[in-house]
Every structure is written in C-alpha cells, then in structure tokens.
Amino acid sequence: VDAASMYSFGDGMQTLADALAASLRACPNVRVLTGQPAVALHAKEDCAEVALAGGQAVQAHHVISTLPAPRLAPLLGTADPSEALASMPYSSVAVVNVAYAARNVTPVDGFGYLVPRASATASGALGVVFDSRALPPQDRGADVERLTVMLGLPSGTSATVGAVEEAALQTLREHLRISQAPADMDATIAAHCIPTYTVGYVDRLADIHSWVSRQLNGRLSVVGAAYGGPAVPQCVLHARDLVNHHLRLDASSALEAPQNVTGLEEIVRGFDI
C-alpha cells in the first residue's frame, strides 16, 4: 500500500468504515448512539455536556466535532459566534456509478480524467474515473466495465436521481463516445458535502482556531473536511494525529483536565499564521 497511488477493498471503501464501527461496538467502554443528533453543547464545571434530540444528555471530558463547519456554532448558542464558521460555503455533488456488460468500453486506458472549469459542459461534469481500469480486482473477473461520473450541482437547486443519471450518460456520450445502454446505474446526491476554500481561507482558519479555543472551557476540538484538506485520507490523518499526538488520553487525571487543544494547531502552523 505504501507504494500505491490509490487503494480500495474488494467491497469498496465502505469496508473500512464497517470494520471501524464493528471494532468500536466490541469495546466494553464505548457506546455508539445513532439517530440522535446533537442539538446543543454546554460547558459544565468539570465536563462538557452534549444534548441529544431524543432528550438524552451525554457528559464528556472532551468533545471532538466532525460536523460541517456552519452546523457547529449554533449548537453552542454562544454570544461570541464565529463568522468564519458560519460563512464557510459548501458545494453539492452527485456521484453516478455506471456499469456496462462488456469490457473495454472506454476508448482509452488510464485512471480517468478531471474536467477544468473552463471546459465545463451543460452536464456539470467534474470528472470521470475508470474504475475497472484503476481497480480491476473489484470486477472479480466478470465481463463488465465500471465508471464513476462526478457532477457538480448548482447551489440552491434540487436534483433528482433521474436527472443526474441522464447527466452522467450525457457526459459519457459527449466525452468518450459511449452510446450503449448501461447494465446498471447507481446515483448518490450529496448536498453541501464539500467545503470550498475561497479567498481568505487561511485567515478564517486562524479565526476558527482562536474561536474553538474559547469554547467549552477548552474541551472542544474539531476535525473534518473544512480544515486542512477535503479528501478522505487527509481527514483520516487529521483525526489520527489529533488523538495520537495532541490529546492527552493516557491517564485519567490528564483526561479529566481541559485539553485546550482545538485540533487546528498543526494545520495553522503549517500555514505559518
């Protein structure tokens, strides 16, 4: 894996999330709560409290937020809101997986391609990945060709599965001259899923770092795509480094004290701000 430019699993990247969830559920000191979104965060004398939609409250020595940036500040109900968090824009995308019942449908070999904004077409295509070429073992020897089409969605529009599937097929017809009907398709519409690093992002990141340090009496950290890179490997690395290198979790006395770690220290230093 160290020498690979990309990697996956036989059943896709979901394998990694499923294994992590199973490992956590097997730990006797771990509770996994689903379907109960956080509605408020409160600072207590010696802990932080997370209020959940079902009326339950969870007390914790430290809280790590992986929420999209604009959704964090309202939970704190603070008189000191963060404009940098609230105003961070997010883009929406659609991902369409297309499978053909034949091999070598694409006219060229390779990983795929990205579409420059200046060359964007009416379909809104951002790029196409040739999955069968990039990860052939996932085909399990079947005579198929799999592709993934990524589409940008205009802000404020409500796309339908049928519309994005047709846009994906239009992209493949126009770009790769693939006219045959696919054997299967699957579309995922992800609204407001990718943070956009607009001009001034570095200064706003410094403001977010300062703001987070003042919340929950030093018991709050943040990780996720809004900070330091939107790609999955960057998010995983950021979360791992926060837990392994910055939070003091090796002794109960250290855990009970405020950590005063925002999770952004290393990223802010990397930007020299």
C-alpha atoms as a PDB file:
ATOM      1  CA  VAL A   1       0.000   0.000   0.000  1.00  0.00           C
ATOM      2  CA  ASP A   2       2.881   2.383   0.738  1.00  0.00           C
ATOM      3  CA  ALA A   3       3.873   2.376  -2.943  1.00  0.00           C
ATOM      4  CA  ALA A   4       0.317   2.663  -4.293  1.00  0.00           C
ATOM      5  CA  SER A   5      -1.121   5.870  -5.696  1.00  0.00           C
ATOM      6  CA  MET A   6      -4.608   4.702  -4.743  1.00  0.00           C
ATOM      7  CA  TYR A   7      -6.163   1.847  -2.821  1.00  0.00           C
ATOM      8  CA  SER A   8      -9.510   0.270  -2.027  1.00  0.00           C
ATOM      9  CA  PHE A   9     -11.040  -3.044  -0.928  1.00  0.00           C
ATOM     10  CA  GLY A  10     -12.912  -5.782  -2.706  1.00  0.00           C
ATOM     11  CA  ASP A  11     -16.232  -4.393  -1.495  1.00  0.00           C
ATOM     12  CA  GLY A  12     -15.172  -0.741  -1.692  1.00  0.00           C
ATOM     13  CA  MET A  13     -14.068   1.820   0.896  1.00  0.00           C
ATOM     14  CA  GLN A  14     -17.188   1.114   2.965  1.00  0.00           C
ATOM     15  CA  THR A  15     -15.226  -1.913   4.204  1.00  0.00           C
ATOM     16  CA  LEU A  16     -13.026   0.421   6.246  1.00  0.00           C
ATOM     17  CA  ALA A  17     -15.958   2.211   7.904  1.00  0.00           C
ATOM     18  CA  ASP A  18     -17.736  -1.075   8.644  1.00  0.00           C
ATOM     19  CA  ALA A  19     -14.619  -2.549  10.262  1.00  0.00           C
ATOM     20  CA  LEU A  20     -14.111   0.553  12.392  1.00  0.00           C
ATOM     21  CA  ALA A  21     -17.741   0.513  13.545  1.00  0.00           C
ATOM     22  CA  ALA A  22     -17.559  -3.191  14.413  1.00  0.00           C
ATOM     23  CA  SER A  23     -14.340  -2.688  16.373  1.00  0.00           C
ATOM     24  CA  LEU A  24     -15.810   0.189  18.383  1.00  0.00           C
ATOM     25  CA  ARG A  25     -19.016  -1.689  19.181  1.00  0.00           C
ATOM     26  CA  ALA A  26     -16.922  -4.561  20.548  1.00  0.00           C
ATOM     27  CA  CYS A  27     -15.232  -2.271  23.090  1.00  0.00           C
ATOM     28  CA  PRO A  28     -16.913  -2.518  26.526  1.00  0.00           C
ATOM     29  CA  ASN A  29     -16.274   1.172  27.280  1.00  0.00           C
ATOM     30  CA  VAL A  30     -17.737   2.509  24.013  1.00  0.00           C
ATOM     31  CA  ARG A  31     -21.342   3.481  23.313  1.00  0.00           C
ATOM     32  CA  VAL A  32     -22.383   4.192  19.737  1.00  0.00           C
ATOM     33  CA  LEU A  33     -25.519   6.345  19.533  1.00  0.00           C
ATOM     34  CA  THR A  34     -27.228   6.691  16.152  1.00  0.00           C
ATOM     35  CA  GLY A  35     -30.335   8.563  15.089  1.00  0.00           C
ATOM     36  CA  GLN A  36     -29.879  11.057  17.944  1.00  0.00           C
ATOM     37  CA  PRO A  37     -28.281  14.207  16.520  1.00  0.00           C
ATOM     38  CA  ALA A  38     -26.696  16.697  18.885  1.00  0.00           C
ATOM     39  CA  VAL A  39     -28.855  19.780  19.458  1.00  0.00           C
ATOM     40  CA  ALA A  40     -26.732  21.709  21.964  1.00  0.00           C
ATOM     41  CA  LEU A  41     -23.327  21.801  23.648  1.00  0.00           C
ATOM     42  CA  HIS A  42     -22.906  23.134  27.177  1.00  0.00           C
ATOM     43  CA  ALA A  43     -19.883  23.801  29.364  1.00  0.00           C
ATOM     44  CA  LYS A  44     -20.180  22.383  32.873  1.00  0.00           C
ATOM     45  CA  GLU A  45     -17.869  22.896  35.829  1.00  0.00           C
ATOM     46  CA  ASP A  46     -15.747  19.818  35.189  1.00  0.00           C
ATOM     47  CA  CYS A  47     -17.005  18.467  31.846  1.00  0.00           C
ATOM     48  CA  ALA A  48     -18.875  19.215  28.645  1.00  0.00           C
ATOM     49  CA  GLU A  49     -22.457  18.172  28.041  1.00  0.00           C
ATOM     50  CA  VAL A  50     -23.922  17.129  24.694  1.00  0.00           C
ATOM     51  CA  ALA A  51     -27.700  17.410  24.493  1.00  0.00           C
ATOM     52  CA  LEU A  52     -29.292  14.989  22.017  1.00  0.00           C
ATOM     53  CA  ALA A  53     -32.513  15.276  20.039  1.00  0.00           C
ATOM     54  CA  GLY A  54     -34.143  12.445  21.981  1.00  0.00           C
ATOM     55  CA  GLY A  55     -33.832  14.343  25.254  1.00  0.00           C
ATOM     56  CA  GLN A  56     -30.783  12.448  26.476  1.00  0.00           C
ATOM     57  CA  ALA A  57     -27.655  14.302  27.618  1.00  0.00           C
ATOM     58  CA  VAL A  58     -24.138  12.860  27.387  1.00  0.00           C
ATOM     59  CA  GLN A  59     -21.381  14.202  29.619  1.00  0.00           C
ATOM     60  CA  ALA A  60     -17.808  14.054  28.381  1.00  0.00           C
ATOM     61  CA  HIS A  61     -14.376  15.250  29.420  1.00  0.00           C
ATOM     62  CA  HIS A  62     -13.712  16.254  25.807  1.00  0.00           C
ATOM     63  CA  VAL A  63     -15.792  16.723  22.656  1.00  0.00           C
ATOM     64  CA  ILE A  64     -14.489  16.251  19.104  1.00  0.00           C
ATOM     65  CA  SER A  65     -16.769  17.734  16.445  1.00  0.00           C
ATOM     66  CA  THR A  66     -16.770  16.294  12.937  1.00  0.00           C
ATOM     67  CA  LEU A  67     -19.797  18.358  11.878  1.00  0.00           C
ATOM     68  CA  PRO A  68     -19.804  20.585   8.805  1.00  0.00           C
ATOM     69  CA  ALA A  69     -18.443  23.972   9.865  1.00  0.00           C
ATOM     70  CA  PRO A  70     -21.690  26.026   9.752  1.00  0.00           C
ATOM     71  CA  ARG A  71     -23.520  23.499  11.973  1.00  0.00           C
ATOM     72  CA  LEU A  72     -21.144  23.719  14.935  1.00  0.00           C
ATOM     73  CA  ALA A  73     -21.566  27.288  16.217  1.00  0.00           C
ATOM     74  CA  PRO A  74     -25.399  27.120  16.588  1.00  0.00           C
ATOM     75  CA  LEU A  75     -25.019  24.144  18.949  1.00  0.00           C
ATOM     76  CA  LEU A  76     -23.055  26.273  21.369  1.00  0.00           C
ATOM     77  CA  GLY A  77     -25.585  29.111  21.458  1.00  0.00           C
ATOM     78  CA  THR A  78     -22.735  31.460  22.197  1.00  0.00           C
ATOM     79  CA  ALA A  79     -22.864  35.253  22.307  1.00  0.00           C
ATOM     80  CA  ASP A  80     -19.493  35.042  20.565  1.00  0.00           C
ATOM     81  CA  PRO A  81     -20.471  33.456  17.204  1.00  0.00           C
ATOM     82  CA  SER A  82     -17.861  32.566  14.607  1.00  0.00           C
ATOM     83  CA  GLU A  83     -18.491  34.296  11.299  1.00  0.00           C
ATOM     84  CA  ALA A  84     -15.657  32.243   9.778  1.00  0.00           C
ATOM     85  CA  LEU A  85     -17.506  29.022  10.582  1.00  0.00           C
ATOM     86  CA  ALA A  86     -20.980  30.220   9.677  1.00  0.00           C
ATOM     87  CA  SER A  87     -19.954  31.669   6.310  1.00  0.00           C
ATOM     88  CA  MET A  88     -17.847  28.768   5.015  1.00  0.00           C
ATOM     89  CA  PRO A  89     -19.507  27.721   1.727  1.00  0.00           C
ATOM     90  CA  TYR A  90     -20.119  24.082   0.828  1.00  0.00           C
ATOM     91  CA  SER A  91     -20.602  22.640  -2.651  1.00  0.00           C
ATOM     92  CA  SER A  92     -23.016  19.882  -3.664  1.00  0.00           C
ATOM     93  CA  VAL A  93     -22.094  16.998  -5.936  1.00  0.00           C
ATOM     94  CA  ALA A  94     -23.644  13.897  -7.444  1.00  0.00           C
ATOM     95  CA  VAL A  95     -21.722  10.654  -7.933  1.00  0.00           C
ATOM     96  CA  VAL A  96     -23.065   8.232 -10.523  1.00  0.00           C
ATOM     97  CA  ASN A  97     -21.670   4.692 -10.796  1.00  0.00           C
ATOM     98  CA  VAL A  98     -22.231   3.259 -14.262  1.00  0.00           C
ATOM     99  CA  ALA A  99     -21.655  -0.389 -15.217  1.00  0.00           C
ATOM    100  CA  TYR A 100     -21.619  -1.862 -18.733  1.00  0.00           C
ATOM    101  CA  ALA A 101     -21.955  -5.563 -19.559  1.00  0.00           C
ATOM    102  CA  ALA A 102     -18.776  -5.595 -21.637  1.00  0.00           C
ATOM    103  CA  ARG A 103     -15.085  -4.903 -21.264  1.00  0.00           C
ATOM    104  CA  ASN A 104     -13.038  -2.130 -22.882  1.00  0.00           C
ATOM    105  CA  VAL A 105     -15.993   0.195 -23.291  1.00  0.00           C
ATOM    106  CA  THR A 106     -13.822   3.234 -22.657  1.00  0.00           C
ATOM    107  CA  PRO A 107     -11.720   4.149 -25.714  1.00  0.00           C
ATOM    108  CA  VAL A 108      -8.613   4.945 -23.651  1.00  0.00           C
ATOM    109  CA  ASP A 109      -6.774   3.317 -20.757  1.00  0.00           C
ATOM    110  CA  GLY A 110      -5.874   5.079 -17.524  1.00  0.00           C
ATOM    111  CA  PHE A 111      -7.236   6.240 -14.201  1.00  0.00           C
ATOM    112  CA  GLY A 112      -9.726   8.729 -15.643  1.00  0.00           C
ATOM    113  CA  TYR A 113      -9.805  12.498 -16.041  1.00  0.00           C
ATOM    114  CA  LEU A 114     -10.931  15.764 -14.489  1.00  0.00           C
ATOM    115  CA  VAL A 115     -12.826  18.498 -16.307  1.00  0.00           C
ATOM    116  CA  PRO A 116     -11.401  22.050 -15.988  1.00  0.00           C
ATOM    117  CA  ARG A 117     -13.996  24.642 -15.073  1.00  0.00           C
ATOM    118  CA  ALA A 118     -13.274  26.491 -18.305  1.00  0.00           C
ATOM    119  CA  SER A 119     -14.221  23.339 -20.244  1.00  0.00           C
ATOM    120  CA  ALA A 120     -17.352  22.512 -18.257  1.00  0.00           C
ATOM    121  CA  THR A 121     -20.330  21.308 -20.249  1.00  0.00           C
ATOM    122  CA  ALA A 122     -24.056  21.514 -19.658  1.00  0.00           C
ATOM    123  CA  SER A 123     -23.968  18.211 -17.759  1.00  0.00           C
ATOM    124  CA  GLY A 124     -21.912  19.801 -14.985  1.00  0.00           C
ATOM    125  CA  ALA A 125     -19.311  17.033 -15.134  1.00  0.00           C
ATOM    126  CA  LEU A 126     -16.343  17.374 -12.793  1.00  0.00           C
ATOM    127  CA  GLY A 127     -14.596  14.218 -13.905  1.00  0.00           C
ATOM    128  CA  VAL A 128     -14.828  10.507 -14.696  1.00  0.00           C
ATOM    129  CA  VAL A 129     -12.966   7.633 -13.028  1.00  0.00           C
ATOM    130  CA  PHE A 130     -12.367   4.418 -14.976  1.00  0.00           C
ATOM    131  CA  ASP A 131     -12.950   2.096 -12.030  1.00  0.00           C
ATOM    132  CA  SER A 132     -12.386  -1.163 -13.910  1.00  0.00           C
ATOM    133  CA  ARG A 133      -9.044   0.122 -15.203  1.00  0.00           C
ATOM    134  CA  ALA A 134      -7.936   1.589 -11.868  1.00  0.00           C
ATOM    135  CA  LEU A 135      -9.157  -1.265  -9.618  1.00  0.00           C
ATOM    136  CA  PRO A 136      -9.685  -4.350 -11.836  1.00  0.00           C
ATOM    137  CA  PRO A 137      -9.850  -6.891  -8.940  1.00  0.00           C
ATOM    138  CA  GLN A 138     -13.212  -5.403  -7.919  1.00  0.00           C
ATOM    139  CA  ASP A 139     -14.702  -6.755 -11.153  1.00  0.00           C
ATOM    140  CA  ARG A 140     -13.964 -10.295  -9.885  1.00  0.00           C
ATOM    141  CA  GLY A 141     -13.254 -11.481 -13.415  1.00  0.00           C
ATOM    142  CA  ALA A 142     -16.670 -10.531 -14.803  1.00  0.00           C
ATOM    143  CA  ASP A 143     -17.055  -9.101 -18.300  1.00  0.00           C
ATOM    144  CA  VAL A 144     -18.003  -5.633 -17.087  1.00  0.00           C
ATOM    145  CA  GLU A 145     -16.698  -2.098 -17.280  1.00  0.00           C
ATOM    146  CA  ARG A 146     -17.368   0.240 -14.355  1.00  0.00           C
ATOM    147  CA  LEU A 147     -17.075   4.016 -14.404  1.00  0.00           C
ATOM    148  CA  THR A 148     -17.818   6.749 -11.887  1.00  0.00           C
ATOM    149  CA  VAL A 149     -19.080  10.119 -13.121  1.00  0.00           C
ATOM    150  CA  MET A 150     -18.819  13.098 -10.745  1.00  0.00           C
ATOM    151  CA  LEU A 151     -21.171  16.017 -11.332  1.00  0.00           C
ATOM    152  CA  GLY A 152     -21.252  19.463  -9.761  1.00  0.00           C
ATOM    153  CA  LEU A 153     -24.686  20.661  -8.674  1.00  0.00           C
ATOM    154  CA  PRO A 154     -25.598  24.367  -8.720  1.00  0.00           C
ATOM    155  CA  SER A 155     -26.213  25.857  -5.294  1.00  0.00           C
ATOM    156  CA  GLY A 156     -29.848  26.034  -4.297  1.00  0.00           C
ATOM    157  CA  THR A 157     -31.109  23.524  -6.865  1.00  0.00           C
ATOM    158  CA  SER A 158     -32.846  20.262  -6.044  1.00  0.00           C
ATOM    159  CA  ALA A 159     -31.565  17.496  -8.305  1.00  0.00           C
ATOM    160  CA  THR A 160     -33.335  14.183  -8.840  1.00  0.00           C
ATOM    161  CA  VAL A 161     -31.762  10.778  -9.278  1.00  0.00           C
ATOM    162  CA  GLY A 162     -33.163  10.523 -12.797  1.00  0.00           C
ATOM    163  CA  ALA A 163     -31.727  13.897 -13.776  1.00  0.00           C
ATOM    164  CA  VAL A 164     -28.199  13.174 -12.548  1.00  0.00           C
ATOM    165  CA  GLU A 165     -28.210   9.711 -14.147  1.00  0.00           C
ATOM    166  CA  GLU A 166     -29.116  11.258 -17.501  1.00  0.00           C
ATOM    167  CA  ALA A 167     -26.430  13.920 -16.999  1.00  0.00           C
ATOM    168  CA  ALA A 168     -23.881  11.169 -16.363  1.00  0.00           C
ATOM    169  CA  LEU A 169     -24.847   9.311 -19.543  1.00  0.00           C
ATOM    170  CA  GLN A 170     -24.718  12.576 -21.477  1.00  0.00           C
ATOM    171  CA  THR A 171     -21.189  13.131 -20.160  1.00  0.00           C
ATOM    172  CA  LEU A 172     -20.073   9.676 -21.295  1.00  0.00           C
ATOM    173  CA  ARG A 173     -21.658  10.151 -24.715  1.00  0.00           C
ATOM    174  CA  GLU A 174     -20.037  13.533 -25.274  1.00  0.00           C
ATOM    175  CA  HIS A 175     -16.618  12.874 -23.770  1.00  0.00           C
ATOM    176  CA  LEU A 176     -15.986   9.190 -24.506  1.00  0.00           C
ATOM    177  CA  ARG A 177     -18.475   8.444 -27.321  1.00  0.00           C
ATOM    178  CA  ILE A 178     -20.076   5.669 -25.251  1.00  0.00           C
ATOM    179  CA  SER A 179     -23.575   5.255 -26.664  1.00  0.00           C
ATOM    180  CA  GLN A 180     -24.594   1.779 -25.489  1.00  0.00           C
ATOM    181  CA  ALA A 181     -27.061   1.424 -22.634  1.00  0.00           C
ATOM    182  CA  PRO A 182     -25.559   0.585 -19.237  1.00  0.00           C
ATOM    183  CA  ALA A 183     -26.365  -2.675 -17.458  1.00  0.00           C
ATOM    184  CA  ASP A 184     -26.723  -0.891 -14.122  1.00  0.00           C
ATOM    185  CA  MET A 185     -26.509   2.574 -12.579  1.00  0.00           C
ATOM    186  CA  ASP A 186     -26.474   3.938  -9.058  1.00  0.00           C
ATOM    187  CA  ALA A 187     -26.620   7.653  -8.214  1.00  0.00           C
ATOM    188  CA  THR A 188     -25.812   9.376  -4.929  1.00  0.00           C
ATOM    189  CA  ILE A 189     -26.697  13.036  -4.413  1.00  0.00           C
ATOM    190  CA  ALA A 190     -24.631  14.682  -1.674  1.00  0.00           C
ATOM    191  CA  ALA A 191     -25.910  18.145  -0.791  1.00  0.00           C
ATOM    192  CA  HIS A 192     -23.465  20.652   0.710  1.00  0.00           C
ATOM    193  CA  CYS A 193     -20.810  17.995   1.223  1.00  0.00           C
ATOM    194  CA  ILE A 194     -17.521  19.626   0.146  1.00  0.00           C
ATOM    195  CA  PRO A 195     -16.210  22.802   1.822  1.00  0.00           C
ATOM    196  CA  THR A 196     -14.983  25.442  -0.603  1.00  0.00           C
ATOM    197  CA  TYR A 197     -11.674  27.098   0.254  1.00  0.00           C
ATOM    198  CA  THR A 198     -12.350  30.599  -1.043  1.00  0.00           C
ATOM    199  CA  VAL A 199     -10.012  33.615  -0.951  1.00  0.00           C
ATOM    200  CA  GLY A 200      -9.150  34.447   2.646  1.00  0.00           C
ATOM    201  CA  TYR A 201      -9.494  30.856   3.848  1.00  0.00           C
ATOM    202  CA  VAL A 202      -6.174  30.830   5.708  1.00  0.00           C
ATOM    203  CA  ASP A 203      -7.090  33.911   7.760  1.00  0.00           C
ATOM    204  CA  ARG A 204     -10.527  32.444   8.511  1.00  0.00           C
ATOM    205  CA  LEU A 205      -8.878  29.213   9.636  1.00  0.00           C
ATOM    206  CA  ALA A 206      -6.827  31.179  12.163  1.00  0.00           C
ATOM    207  CA  ASP A 207     -10.043  32.836  13.392  1.00  0.00           C
ATOM    208  CA  ILE A 208     -11.703  29.415  13.760  1.00  0.00           C
ATOM    209  CA  HIS A 209      -8.715  28.124  15.739  1.00  0.00           C
ATOM    210  CA  SER A 210      -8.965  31.078  18.121  1.00  0.00           C
ATOM    211  CA  TRP A 211     -12.751  30.724  18.440  1.00  0.00           C
ATOM    212  CA  VAL A 212     -12.713  26.980  19.144  1.00  0.00           C
ATOM    213  CA  SER A 213     -10.100  27.508  21.872  1.00  0.00           C
ATOM    214  CA  ARG A 214     -12.617  29.663  23.767  1.00  0.00           C
ATOM    215  CA  GLN A 215     -15.469  27.134  23.676  1.00  0.00           C
ATOM    216  CA  LEU A 216     -16.478  24.595  26.346  1.00  0.00           C
ATOM    217  CA  ASN A 217     -13.666  25.763  28.646  1.00  0.00           C
ATOM    218  CA  GLY A 218     -11.009  24.132  26.475  1.00  0.00           C
ATOM    219  CA  ARG A 219     -12.880  20.857  25.995  1.00  0.00           C
ATOM    220  CA  LEU A 220     -13.608  21.120  22.247  1.00  0.00           C
ATOM    221  CA  SER A 221     -11.633  20.019  19.174  1.00  0.00           C
ATOM    222  CA  VAL A 222     -12.635  19.924  15.514  1.00  0.00           C
ATOM    223  CA  VAL A 223     -11.717  17.634  12.632  1.00  0.00           C
ATOM    224  CA  GLY A 224     -13.114  17.154   9.157  1.00  0.00           C
ATOM    225  CA  ALA A 225     -13.055  18.323   5.574  1.00  0.00           C
ATOM    226  CA  ALA A 226     -13.345  22.019   6.455  1.00  0.00           C
ATOM    227  CA  TYR A 227      -9.851  22.055   7.917  1.00  0.00           C
ATOM    228  CA  GLY A 228      -6.623  21.136   6.159  1.00  0.00           C
ATOM    229  CA  GLY A 229      -7.977  19.235   3.158  1.00  0.00           C
ATOM    230  CA  PRO A 230     -11.272  17.757   1.952  1.00  0.00           C
ATOM    231  CA  ALA A 231     -10.002  14.352   0.792  1.00  0.00           C
ATOM    232  CA  VAL A 232     -10.755  11.221   2.835  1.00  0.00           C
ATOM    233  CA  PRO A 233      -7.060  10.380   3.527  1.00  0.00           C
ATOM    234  CA  GLN A 234      -6.460  13.916   4.828  1.00  0.00           C
ATOM    235  CA  CYS A 235      -9.484  13.713   7.141  1.00  0.00           C
ATOM    236  CA  VAL A 236      -8.341  10.328   8.479  1.00  0.00           C
ATOM    237  CA  LEU A 237      -4.788  11.604   9.030  1.00  0.00           C
ATOM    238  CA  HIS A 238      -6.024  14.758  10.778  1.00  0.00           C
ATOM    239  CA  ALA A 239      -8.236  12.733  13.142  1.00  0.00           C
ATOM    240  CA  ARG A 240      -5.492  10.198  13.878  1.00  0.00           C
ATOM    241  CA  ASP A 241      -2.905  12.889  14.622  1.00  0.00           C
ATOM    242  CA  LEU A 242      -5.325  14.723  16.908  1.00  0.00           C
ATOM    243  CA  VAL A 243      -5.945  11.635  19.035  1.00  0.00           C
ATOM    244  CA  ASN A 244      -2.445  10.152  18.936  1.00  0.00           C
ATOM    245  CA  HIS A 245      -0.247  13.237  19.165  1.00  0.00           C
ATOM    246  CA  HIS A 246      -2.208  16.134  20.657  1.00  0.00           C
ATOM    247  CA  LEU A 247      -4.838  14.923  23.101  1.00  0.00           C
ATOM    248  CA  ARG A 248      -3.585  13.563  26.429  1.00  0.00           C
ATOM    249  CA  LEU A 249      -5.544  10.349  26.800  1.00  0.00           C
ATOM    250  CA  ASP A 250      -3.001   8.197  28.614  1.00  0.00           C
ATOM    251  CA  ALA A 251      -4.018   8.991  32.178  1.00  0.00           C
ATOM    252  CA  SER A 252      -7.350   9.643  33.867  1.00  0.00           C
ATOM    253  CA  SER A 253      -6.010  12.768  35.586  1.00  0.00           C
ATOM    254  CA  ALA A 254      -4.950  14.244  32.238  1.00  0.00           C
ATOM    255  CA  LEU A 255      -8.253  13.317  30.628  1.00  0.00           C
ATOM    256  CA  GLU A 256     -10.287  14.993  33.344  1.00  0.00           C
ATOM    257  CA  ALA A 257      -8.482  18.314  32.906  1.00  0.00           C
ATOM    258  CA  PRO A 258      -9.312  20.626  29.977  1.00  0.00           C
ATOM    259  CA  GLN A 259      -7.224  19.616  26.987  1.00  0.00           C
ATOM    260  CA  ASN A 260      -7.106  23.103  25.431  1.00  0.00           C
ATOM    261  CA  VAL A 261      -6.485  21.533  22.017  1.00  0.00           C
ATOM    262  CA  THR A 262      -8.529  22.772  19.057  1.00  0.00           C
ATOM    263  CA  GLY A 263      -7.261  20.197  16.573  1.00  0.00           C
ATOM    264  CA  LEU A 264      -6.071  23.006  14.296  1.00  0.00           C
ATOM    265  CA  GLU A 265      -2.696  23.740  15.909  1.00  0.00           C
ATOM    266  CA  GLU A 266      -0.610  21.786  13.428  1.00  0.00           C
ATOM    267  CA  ILE A 267      -2.613  22.979  10.419  1.00  0.00           C
ATOM    268  CA  VAL A 268      -2.336  26.634  11.448  1.00  0.00           C
ATOM    269  CA  ARG A 269       1.417  26.252  11.999  1.00  0.00           C
ATOM    270  CA  GLY A 270       1.711  24.697   8.553  1.00  0.00           C
ATOM    271  CA  PHE A 271       0.277  27.861   7.051  1.00  0.00           C
ATOM    272  CA  ASP A 272       2.688  29.946   9.174  1.00  0.00           C
ATOM    273  CA  ILE A 273      -0.091  32.057  10.682  1.00  0.00           C
END
